[in-house]
N, C-alpha and C. Protein backbone atom coordinates (compact mmCIF):
# COMPACT_ATOMS: atom_id res chain seq x y z
N UNK A 1 -10.63 -2.60 -14.74
CA UNK A 1 -9.95 -3.38 -15.74
C UNK A 1 -10.93 -4.35 -16.38
N UNK A 2 -11.88 -4.87 -15.61
CA UNK A 2 -12.83 -5.83 -16.16
C UNK A 2 -13.62 -5.24 -17.32
N UNK A 3 -14.01 -3.97 -17.20
CA UNK A 3 -14.79 -3.36 -18.27
C UNK A 3 -14.01 -3.32 -19.57
N UNK A 4 -12.77 -2.88 -19.52
CA UNK A 4 -11.95 -2.84 -20.72
C UNK A 4 -11.74 -4.23 -21.29
N UNK A 5 -11.48 -5.20 -20.44
CA UNK A 5 -11.25 -6.56 -20.90
C UNK A 5 -12.47 -7.10 -21.61
N UNK A 6 -13.63 -6.92 -21.03
CA UNK A 6 -14.85 -7.44 -21.60
C UNK A 6 -15.14 -6.79 -22.95
N UNK A 7 -15.01 -5.47 -23.02
CA UNK A 7 -15.31 -4.76 -24.26
C UNK A 7 -14.29 -5.04 -25.34
N UNK A 8 -13.06 -5.19 -24.97
CA UNK A 8 -12.01 -5.40 -25.97
C UNK A 8 -11.84 -6.88 -26.32
N UNK A 9 -12.44 -7.77 -25.52
CA UNK A 9 -12.30 -9.20 -25.77
C UNK A 9 -10.88 -9.69 -25.58
N UNK A 10 -10.13 -9.09 -24.67
CA UNK A 10 -8.72 -9.40 -24.47
C UNK A 10 -8.56 -10.32 -23.28
N UNK A 11 -7.73 -11.35 -23.44
CA UNK A 11 -7.34 -12.16 -22.29
C UNK A 11 -6.31 -11.37 -21.50
N UNK A 12 -6.36 -11.44 -20.20
CA UNK A 12 -5.47 -10.62 -19.38
C UNK A 12 -4.61 -11.48 -18.45
N UNK A 13 -4.09 -12.58 -18.98
CA UNK A 13 -3.24 -13.46 -18.18
C UNK A 13 -1.87 -12.85 -17.89
N UNK A 14 -1.35 -12.10 -18.82
CA UNK A 14 -0.01 -11.55 -18.71
C UNK A 14 0.02 -10.33 -17.78
N UNK A 15 1.01 -10.27 -16.87
CA UNK A 15 1.12 -9.08 -16.03
C UNK A 15 1.31 -7.80 -16.85
N UNK A 16 2.02 -7.89 -17.97
CA UNK A 16 2.21 -6.69 -18.80
C UNK A 16 0.89 -6.21 -19.37
N UNK A 17 0.05 -7.15 -19.80
CA UNK A 17 -1.26 -6.77 -20.33
C UNK A 17 -2.12 -6.19 -19.22
N UNK A 18 -2.09 -6.82 -18.03
CA UNK A 18 -2.84 -6.30 -16.90
C UNK A 18 -2.42 -4.88 -16.57
N UNK A 19 -1.12 -4.64 -16.54
CA UNK A 19 -0.61 -3.31 -16.23
C UNK A 19 -1.04 -2.31 -17.30
N UNK A 20 -0.92 -2.66 -18.55
CA UNK A 20 -1.31 -1.77 -19.65
C UNK A 20 -2.79 -1.43 -19.57
N UNK A 21 -3.61 -2.43 -19.31
CA UNK A 21 -5.05 -2.19 -19.19
C UNK A 21 -5.36 -1.30 -18.00
N UNK A 22 -4.69 -1.52 -16.89
CA UNK A 22 -4.90 -0.69 -15.70
C UNK A 22 -4.52 0.76 -16.00
N UNK A 23 -3.41 0.97 -16.69
CA UNK A 23 -2.99 2.34 -17.04
C UNK A 23 -3.98 3.00 -17.99
N UNK A 24 -4.52 2.23 -18.94
CA UNK A 24 -5.52 2.79 -19.86
C UNK A 24 -6.78 3.19 -19.10
N UNK A 25 -7.21 2.36 -18.15
CA UNK A 25 -8.39 2.71 -17.37
C UNK A 25 -8.15 3.95 -16.52
N UNK A 26 -6.96 4.05 -15.93
CA UNK A 26 -6.64 5.24 -15.15
C UNK A 26 -6.65 6.49 -16.02
N UNK A 27 -6.10 6.37 -17.21
CA UNK A 27 -6.07 7.51 -18.13
C UNK A 27 -7.49 7.92 -18.52
N UNK A 28 -8.32 6.94 -18.80
CA UNK A 28 -9.71 7.23 -19.17
C UNK A 28 -10.47 7.86 -18.01
N UNK A 29 -10.15 7.46 -16.80
CA UNK A 29 -10.83 7.99 -15.61
C UNK A 29 -10.22 9.31 -15.14
N UNK A 30 -9.16 9.76 -15.77
CA UNK A 30 -8.51 11.00 -15.37
C UNK A 30 -7.66 10.87 -14.12
N UNK A 31 -7.34 9.63 -13.73
CA UNK A 31 -6.59 9.39 -12.50
C UNK A 31 -5.11 9.14 -12.74
N UNK A 32 -4.64 9.27 -13.96
CA UNK A 32 -3.27 8.91 -14.29
C UNK A 32 -2.25 9.77 -13.55
N UNK A 33 -2.59 11.02 -13.30
CA UNK A 33 -1.63 11.92 -12.67
C UNK A 33 -1.70 11.89 -11.14
N UNK A 34 -2.70 11.26 -10.58
CA UNK A 34 -2.83 11.20 -9.12
C UNK A 34 -1.86 10.19 -8.54
N UNK A 35 -1.16 10.55 -7.47
CA UNK A 35 -0.30 9.57 -6.80
C UNK A 35 -1.15 8.41 -6.29
N UNK A 36 -0.56 7.21 -6.30
CA UNK A 36 -1.30 6.01 -5.95
C UNK A 36 -0.75 5.37 -4.68
N UNK A 37 -1.69 4.84 -3.87
CA UNK A 37 -1.36 4.15 -2.63
C UNK A 37 -1.99 2.76 -2.67
N UNK A 38 -1.21 1.75 -2.32
CA UNK A 38 -1.73 0.40 -2.16
C UNK A 38 -2.00 0.19 -0.67
N UNK A 39 -3.23 -0.17 -0.32
CA UNK A 39 -3.63 -0.42 1.06
C UNK A 39 -4.00 -1.89 1.19
N UNK A 40 -3.40 -2.58 2.16
CA UNK A 40 -3.72 -3.98 2.42
C UNK A 40 -4.06 -4.15 3.89
N UNK A 41 -5.35 -4.33 4.17
CA UNK A 41 -5.81 -4.52 5.54
C UNK A 41 -7.08 -5.35 5.51
N UNK A 42 -7.16 -6.36 6.36
CA UNK A 42 -8.32 -7.24 6.38
C UNK A 42 -9.46 -6.70 7.24
N UNK A 43 -9.20 -5.68 8.04
CA UNK A 43 -10.25 -5.07 8.85
C UNK A 43 -10.97 -4.01 8.01
N UNK A 44 -12.26 -4.22 7.71
CA UNK A 44 -12.97 -3.27 6.85
C UNK A 44 -12.98 -1.84 7.37
N UNK A 45 -13.09 -1.67 8.68
CA UNK A 45 -13.11 -0.31 9.24
C UNK A 45 -11.76 0.39 9.06
N UNK A 46 -10.68 -0.32 9.33
CA UNK A 46 -9.35 0.26 9.16
C UNK A 46 -9.08 0.54 7.69
N UNK A 47 -9.46 -0.40 6.84
CA UNK A 47 -9.26 -0.22 5.40
C UNK A 47 -10.04 1.00 4.89
N UNK A 48 -11.27 1.14 5.37
CA UNK A 48 -12.08 2.30 4.96
C UNK A 48 -11.46 3.60 5.45
N UNK A 49 -10.96 3.61 6.69
CA UNK A 49 -10.31 4.80 7.23
C UNK A 49 -9.06 5.14 6.44
N UNK A 50 -8.21 4.14 6.18
CA UNK A 50 -7.00 4.36 5.39
C UNK A 50 -7.33 4.92 4.01
N UNK A 51 -8.33 4.32 3.38
CA UNK A 51 -8.73 4.76 2.04
C UNK A 51 -9.27 6.18 2.07
N UNK A 52 -10.14 6.46 3.04
CA UNK A 52 -10.74 7.79 3.15
C UNK A 52 -9.68 8.88 3.34
N UNK A 53 -8.74 8.63 4.24
CA UNK A 53 -7.70 9.62 4.51
C UNK A 53 -6.82 9.82 3.28
N UNK A 54 -6.41 8.75 2.65
CA UNK A 54 -5.55 8.87 1.46
C UNK A 54 -6.28 9.59 0.33
N UNK A 55 -7.56 9.29 0.13
CA UNK A 55 -8.32 9.96 -0.93
C UNK A 55 -8.51 11.45 -0.63
N UNK A 56 -8.71 11.80 0.65
CA UNK A 56 -8.83 13.21 1.03
C UNK A 56 -7.53 13.96 0.76
N UNK A 57 -6.42 13.25 0.83
CA UNK A 57 -5.11 13.85 0.53
C UNK A 57 -4.88 13.95 -0.98
N UNK A 58 -5.82 13.43 -1.77
CA UNK A 58 -5.70 13.52 -3.23
C UNK A 58 -5.08 12.31 -3.89
N UNK A 59 -4.97 11.20 -3.16
CA UNK A 59 -4.33 10.02 -3.71
C UNK A 59 -5.37 9.04 -4.25
N UNK A 60 -5.00 8.30 -5.25
CA UNK A 60 -5.79 7.20 -5.79
C UNK A 60 -5.44 5.97 -4.97
N UNK A 61 -6.44 5.26 -4.44
CA UNK A 61 -6.20 4.12 -3.57
C UNK A 61 -6.61 2.83 -4.24
N UNK A 62 -5.73 1.85 -4.15
CA UNK A 62 -6.06 0.47 -4.52
C UNK A 62 -6.06 -0.29 -3.20
N UNK A 63 -7.21 -0.84 -2.83
CA UNK A 63 -7.35 -1.49 -1.53
C UNK A 63 -7.59 -2.99 -1.71
N UNK A 64 -6.87 -3.79 -0.93
CA UNK A 64 -7.03 -5.24 -0.94
C UNK A 64 -7.18 -5.72 0.50
N UNK A 65 -7.72 -6.95 0.65
CA UNK A 65 -8.05 -7.45 1.98
C UNK A 65 -7.05 -8.45 2.55
N UNK A 66 -6.08 -8.89 1.74
CA UNK A 66 -5.12 -9.84 2.30
C UNK A 66 -3.79 -9.75 1.56
N UNK A 67 -2.80 -10.43 2.13
CA UNK A 67 -1.44 -10.37 1.59
C UNK A 67 -1.31 -11.00 0.22
N UNK A 68 -2.06 -12.05 -0.05
CA UNK A 68 -2.00 -12.68 -1.36
C UNK A 68 -2.48 -11.72 -2.46
N UNK A 69 -3.56 -10.99 -2.17
CA UNK A 69 -4.05 -10.01 -3.14
C UNK A 69 -3.03 -8.90 -3.35
N UNK A 70 -2.42 -8.43 -2.27
CA UNK A 70 -1.40 -7.38 -2.38
C UNK A 70 -0.23 -7.87 -3.24
N UNK A 71 0.19 -9.10 -3.02
CA UNK A 71 1.27 -9.71 -3.80
C UNK A 71 0.91 -9.74 -5.29
N UNK A 72 -0.31 -10.18 -5.59
CA UNK A 72 -0.76 -10.24 -6.99
C UNK A 72 -0.78 -8.85 -7.64
N UNK A 73 -1.27 -7.88 -6.90
CA UNK A 73 -1.31 -6.51 -7.44
C UNK A 73 0.11 -6.04 -7.73
N UNK A 74 1.01 -6.24 -6.80
CA UNK A 74 2.39 -5.78 -6.97
C UNK A 74 3.13 -6.52 -8.08
N UNK A 75 2.79 -7.77 -8.31
CA UNK A 75 3.42 -8.53 -9.40
C UNK A 75 3.05 -7.94 -10.76
N UNK A 76 1.85 -7.37 -10.87
CA UNK A 76 1.40 -6.86 -12.16
C UNK A 76 1.44 -5.33 -12.27
N UNK A 77 1.64 -4.65 -11.14
CA UNK A 77 1.56 -3.18 -11.15
C UNK A 77 2.51 -2.60 -10.11
N UNK A 78 3.56 -1.93 -10.57
CA UNK A 78 4.54 -1.32 -9.66
C UNK A 78 4.36 0.18 -9.57
N UNK A 79 3.31 0.71 -10.15
CA UNK A 79 3.12 2.17 -10.20
C UNK A 79 2.41 2.71 -8.97
N UNK A 80 3.03 2.48 -7.82
CA UNK A 80 2.50 3.02 -6.56
C UNK A 80 3.53 3.97 -5.98
N UNK A 81 3.02 5.03 -5.35
CA UNK A 81 3.89 6.00 -4.70
C UNK A 81 4.13 5.66 -3.24
N UNK A 82 3.25 4.84 -2.67
CA UNK A 82 3.38 4.40 -1.28
C UNK A 82 2.48 3.20 -1.06
N UNK A 83 2.71 2.52 0.06
CA UNK A 83 1.87 1.38 0.44
C UNK A 83 1.67 1.41 1.95
N UNK A 84 0.49 0.96 2.38
CA UNK A 84 0.18 0.83 3.80
C UNK A 84 -0.31 -0.60 4.00
N UNK A 85 0.43 -1.38 4.79
CA UNK A 85 0.10 -2.78 5.03
C UNK A 85 -0.13 -3.04 6.51
N UNK A 86 -1.16 -3.81 6.80
CA UNK A 86 -1.36 -4.30 8.15
C UNK A 86 -0.35 -5.42 8.37
N UNK A 87 0.26 -5.44 9.51
CA UNK A 87 1.27 -6.45 9.83
C UNK A 87 0.67 -7.85 9.81
N UNK A 88 -0.59 -8.00 10.23
CA UNK A 88 -1.16 -9.33 10.43
C UNK A 88 -2.27 -9.68 9.44
N UNK A 89 -2.19 -9.20 8.21
CA UNK A 89 -3.20 -9.59 7.22
C UNK A 89 -3.06 -11.07 6.87
N UNK A 90 -4.16 -11.71 6.46
CA UNK A 90 -4.11 -13.14 6.14
C UNK A 90 -3.23 -13.46 4.93
N UNK A 91 -2.79 -14.71 4.87
CA UNK A 91 -2.06 -15.34 3.77
C UNK A 91 -0.59 -14.92 3.68
N UNK A 92 -0.30 -13.67 3.58
CA UNK A 92 1.07 -13.15 3.62
C UNK A 92 1.05 -11.97 4.57
N UNK A 93 1.88 -11.98 5.56
CA UNK A 93 1.92 -10.87 6.52
C UNK A 93 2.49 -9.63 5.84
N UNK A 94 2.11 -8.46 6.36
CA UNK A 94 2.60 -7.21 5.79
C UNK A 94 4.10 -7.14 5.68
N UNK A 95 4.80 -7.61 6.70
CA UNK A 95 6.26 -7.58 6.70
C UNK A 95 6.82 -8.52 5.62
N UNK A 96 6.12 -9.62 5.32
CA UNK A 96 6.57 -10.53 4.26
C UNK A 96 6.42 -9.89 2.88
N UNK A 97 5.38 -9.11 2.72
CA UNK A 97 5.21 -8.39 1.44
C UNK A 97 6.32 -7.36 1.27
N UNK A 98 6.68 -6.68 2.37
CA UNK A 98 7.77 -5.71 2.32
C UNK A 98 9.07 -6.41 1.92
N UNK A 99 9.33 -7.57 2.52
CA UNK A 99 10.54 -8.32 2.16
C UNK A 99 10.55 -8.67 0.67
N UNK A 100 9.42 -9.13 0.16
CA UNK A 100 9.32 -9.42 -1.27
C UNK A 100 9.60 -8.17 -2.09
N UNK A 101 9.00 -7.04 -1.70
CA UNK A 101 9.19 -5.79 -2.45
C UNK A 101 10.66 -5.39 -2.51
N UNK A 102 11.40 -5.63 -1.45
CA UNK A 102 12.80 -5.23 -1.41
C UNK A 102 13.69 -6.14 -2.25
N UNK A 103 13.14 -7.25 -2.76
CA UNK A 103 13.90 -8.13 -3.66
C UNK A 103 13.63 -7.82 -5.12
N UNK A 104 12.63 -7.00 -5.38
CA UNK A 104 12.24 -6.65 -6.75
C UNK A 104 12.65 -5.21 -7.03
N UNK A 105 13.54 -5.03 -7.97
CA UNK A 105 14.05 -3.69 -8.27
C UNK A 105 12.92 -2.69 -8.56
N UNK A 106 11.90 -3.12 -9.28
CA UNK A 106 10.82 -2.20 -9.66
C UNK A 106 9.91 -1.83 -8.49
N UNK A 107 10.02 -2.57 -7.37
CA UNK A 107 9.17 -2.32 -6.20
C UNK A 107 9.91 -1.71 -5.02
N UNK A 108 11.24 -1.83 -5.00
CA UNK A 108 11.98 -1.43 -3.80
C UNK A 108 11.95 0.06 -3.53
N UNK A 109 11.55 0.86 -4.50
CA UNK A 109 11.47 2.32 -4.31
C UNK A 109 10.17 2.74 -3.61
N UNK A 110 9.20 1.83 -3.48
CA UNK A 110 7.90 2.18 -2.90
C UNK A 110 8.01 2.19 -1.37
N UNK A 111 7.81 3.36 -0.74
CA UNK A 111 7.87 3.41 0.72
C UNK A 111 6.65 2.74 1.33
N UNK A 112 6.87 2.00 2.42
CA UNK A 112 5.80 1.23 3.06
C UNK A 112 5.62 1.66 4.51
N UNK A 113 4.34 1.82 4.88
CA UNK A 113 3.94 2.06 6.26
C UNK A 113 3.32 0.76 6.76
N UNK A 114 3.80 0.27 7.89
CA UNK A 114 3.22 -0.92 8.53
C UNK A 114 2.33 -0.44 9.68
N UNK A 115 1.08 -0.92 9.70
CA UNK A 115 0.18 -0.64 10.81
C UNK A 115 -0.16 -1.97 11.49
N UNK A 116 -0.36 -1.90 12.79
CA UNK A 116 -0.72 -3.13 13.51
C UNK A 116 -1.31 -2.82 14.88
N UNK A 117 -2.16 -3.73 15.33
CA UNK A 117 -2.69 -3.66 16.68
C UNK A 117 -1.83 -4.45 17.65
N UNK A 118 -0.88 -5.17 17.11
CA UNK A 118 0.03 -5.97 17.94
C UNK A 118 1.04 -5.04 18.63
N UNK A 119 1.58 -5.49 19.74
CA UNK A 119 2.54 -4.69 20.49
C UNK A 119 3.87 -5.40 20.58
N UNK A 120 4.92 -4.64 20.71
CA UNK A 120 6.23 -5.22 20.96
C UNK A 120 7.33 -4.60 20.13
N UNK A 121 8.47 -4.42 20.78
CA UNK A 121 9.62 -3.85 20.10
C UNK A 121 10.10 -4.75 18.95
N UNK A 122 9.91 -6.06 19.09
CA UNK A 122 10.34 -6.99 18.05
C UNK A 122 9.60 -6.73 16.73
N UNK A 123 8.30 -6.41 16.82
CA UNK A 123 7.52 -6.11 15.62
C UNK A 123 8.05 -4.86 14.91
N UNK A 124 8.38 -3.86 15.71
CA UNK A 124 8.93 -2.64 15.14
C UNK A 124 10.27 -2.94 14.46
N UNK A 125 11.12 -3.66 15.17
CA UNK A 125 12.43 -4.01 14.62
C UNK A 125 12.30 -4.86 13.36
N UNK A 126 11.38 -5.83 13.37
CA UNK A 126 11.17 -6.68 12.18
C UNK A 126 10.67 -5.85 10.99
N UNK A 127 9.80 -4.90 11.26
CA UNK A 127 9.27 -4.04 10.19
C UNK A 127 10.38 -3.25 9.52
N UNK A 128 11.21 -2.61 10.33
CA UNK A 128 12.29 -1.81 9.77
C UNK A 128 13.36 -2.69 9.11
N UNK A 129 13.64 -3.84 9.71
CA UNK A 129 14.63 -4.76 9.12
C UNK A 129 14.17 -5.26 7.75
N UNK A 130 12.86 -5.43 7.59
CA UNK A 130 12.32 -5.88 6.31
C UNK A 130 12.38 -4.79 5.25
N UNK A 131 12.41 -3.53 5.70
CA UNK A 131 12.48 -2.42 4.75
C UNK A 131 11.34 -1.43 4.84
N UNK A 132 10.46 -1.58 5.83
CA UNK A 132 9.39 -0.60 6.00
C UNK A 132 9.97 0.76 6.37
N UNK A 133 9.33 1.80 5.91
CA UNK A 133 9.78 3.15 6.20
C UNK A 133 9.23 3.66 7.53
N UNK A 134 7.98 3.30 7.82
CA UNK A 134 7.30 3.79 9.01
C UNK A 134 6.55 2.65 9.69
N UNK A 135 6.37 2.77 10.99
CA UNK A 135 5.62 1.82 11.78
C UNK A 135 4.58 2.60 12.56
N UNK A 136 3.30 2.25 12.41
CA UNK A 136 2.22 2.98 13.06
C UNK A 136 1.34 2.01 13.84
N UNK A 137 1.50 1.98 15.19
CA UNK A 137 0.68 1.06 15.98
C UNK A 137 -0.76 1.55 16.14
N UNK A 138 -1.69 0.59 16.16
CA UNK A 138 -3.09 0.90 16.43
C UNK A 138 -3.29 0.92 17.93
N UNK A 139 -4.17 1.70 18.47
CA UNK A 139 -4.98 2.67 17.73
C UNK A 139 -4.16 3.91 17.39
N UNK A 140 -4.43 4.46 16.24
CA UNK A 140 -3.76 5.69 15.83
C UNK A 140 -4.81 6.74 15.54
N UNK A 141 -4.39 7.98 15.61
CA UNK A 141 -5.32 9.08 15.31
C UNK A 141 -5.31 9.33 13.80
N UNK A 142 -6.32 10.01 13.35
CA UNK A 142 -6.40 10.40 11.95
C UNK A 142 -5.19 11.25 11.58
N UNK A 143 -4.80 12.15 12.48
CA UNK A 143 -3.65 13.00 12.24
C UNK A 143 -2.36 12.19 12.09
N UNK A 144 -2.18 11.19 12.95
CA UNK A 144 -0.99 10.34 12.84
C UNK A 144 -0.95 9.60 11.50
N UNK A 145 -2.10 9.10 11.09
CA UNK A 145 -2.16 8.39 9.82
C UNK A 145 -1.90 9.34 8.64
N UNK A 146 -2.47 10.52 8.69
CA UNK A 146 -2.21 11.51 7.64
C UNK A 146 -0.72 11.83 7.54
N UNK A 147 -0.10 12.03 8.69
CA UNK A 147 1.33 12.32 8.70
C UNK A 147 2.15 11.18 8.11
N UNK A 148 1.80 9.97 8.50
CA UNK A 148 2.53 8.80 8.00
C UNK A 148 2.42 8.69 6.49
N UNK A 149 1.22 8.88 5.96
CA UNK A 149 1.02 8.80 4.50
C UNK A 149 1.77 9.93 3.81
N UNK A 150 1.71 11.13 4.37
CA UNK A 150 2.43 12.26 3.77
C UNK A 150 3.94 12.01 3.74
N UNK A 151 4.46 11.50 4.84
CA UNK A 151 5.90 11.22 4.91
C UNK A 151 6.28 10.15 3.89
N UNK A 152 5.48 9.10 3.82
CA UNK A 152 5.76 8.04 2.85
C UNK A 152 5.72 8.60 1.43
N UNK A 153 4.73 9.44 1.16
CA UNK A 153 4.61 10.02 -0.18
C UNK A 153 5.78 10.93 -0.51
N UNK A 154 6.34 11.56 0.48
CA UNK A 154 7.47 12.45 0.21
C UNK A 154 8.78 11.68 0.09
N UNK A 155 8.70 10.35 0.28
CA UNK A 155 9.85 9.44 0.13
C UNK A 155 10.97 9.70 1.11
N UNK A 156 10.63 10.22 2.29
CA UNK A 156 11.63 10.34 3.34
C UNK A 156 12.12 8.95 3.69
N UNK A 157 13.43 8.79 3.90
CA UNK A 157 14.00 7.48 4.16
C UNK A 157 14.24 7.21 5.64
N UNK A 158 13.92 8.15 6.50
CA UNK A 158 14.19 7.95 7.93
C UNK A 158 13.06 7.15 8.56
N UNK A 159 13.32 5.94 9.08
CA UNK A 159 12.28 5.17 9.76
C UNK A 159 11.77 5.92 10.98
N UNK A 160 10.46 5.85 11.19
CA UNK A 160 9.86 6.56 12.31
C UNK A 160 8.82 5.69 12.98
N UNK A 161 8.57 5.94 14.26
CA UNK A 161 7.52 5.28 15.01
C UNK A 161 6.64 6.39 15.56
N UNK A 162 5.39 6.42 15.13
CA UNK A 162 4.47 7.50 15.51
C UNK A 162 3.66 7.18 16.74
N UNK A 163 3.98 6.15 17.49
CA UNK A 163 3.14 5.74 18.60
C UNK A 163 3.03 6.80 19.70
N UNK A 164 4.02 7.61 19.86
CA UNK A 164 4.01 8.60 20.92
C UNK A 164 3.49 9.97 20.47
N UNK A 165 3.38 10.19 19.16
CA UNK A 165 2.94 11.50 18.68
C UNK A 165 1.42 11.56 18.65
N UNK A 166 0.86 12.65 19.13
CA UNK A 166 -0.59 12.84 19.09
C UNK A 166 -0.94 14.18 18.50
N UNK A 167 0.04 15.02 18.22
CA UNK A 167 -0.23 16.36 17.66
C UNK A 167 -0.19 16.30 16.16
């Protein structure tokens, strides 16, 4: 988006302008037809793994490092097919972003996968109560993550916990 803004000399304060510019850049890059995933994780290794797996599945990934960045992206861009949030990212927790998404009509259709290294039934219950579609505890296998992203992309509404699946 920065390249278009600089060349066009356009201020991009408005979320509508930001969204329009993002869509123009995607169209120019040939990525407009690719399904999009928003990834929010502060751990660089996990973020890289999430991004790599989603891109191998053919998805366009927008990756951010904290909840505040995820919130900003979602305020200006609702064109995501799925989202993967770490439960414990800084500034806004993953579950708090899910709660926000469920209050916004344009965002409530986006299925969310919550990942976390934390343990406890309460975390799972809180994730689903907030509106997450899937809960994936760390450590997870590449196969488990692929399945979770595929299920989210297919918009299945049944909440699932993949902690016990390894196949």
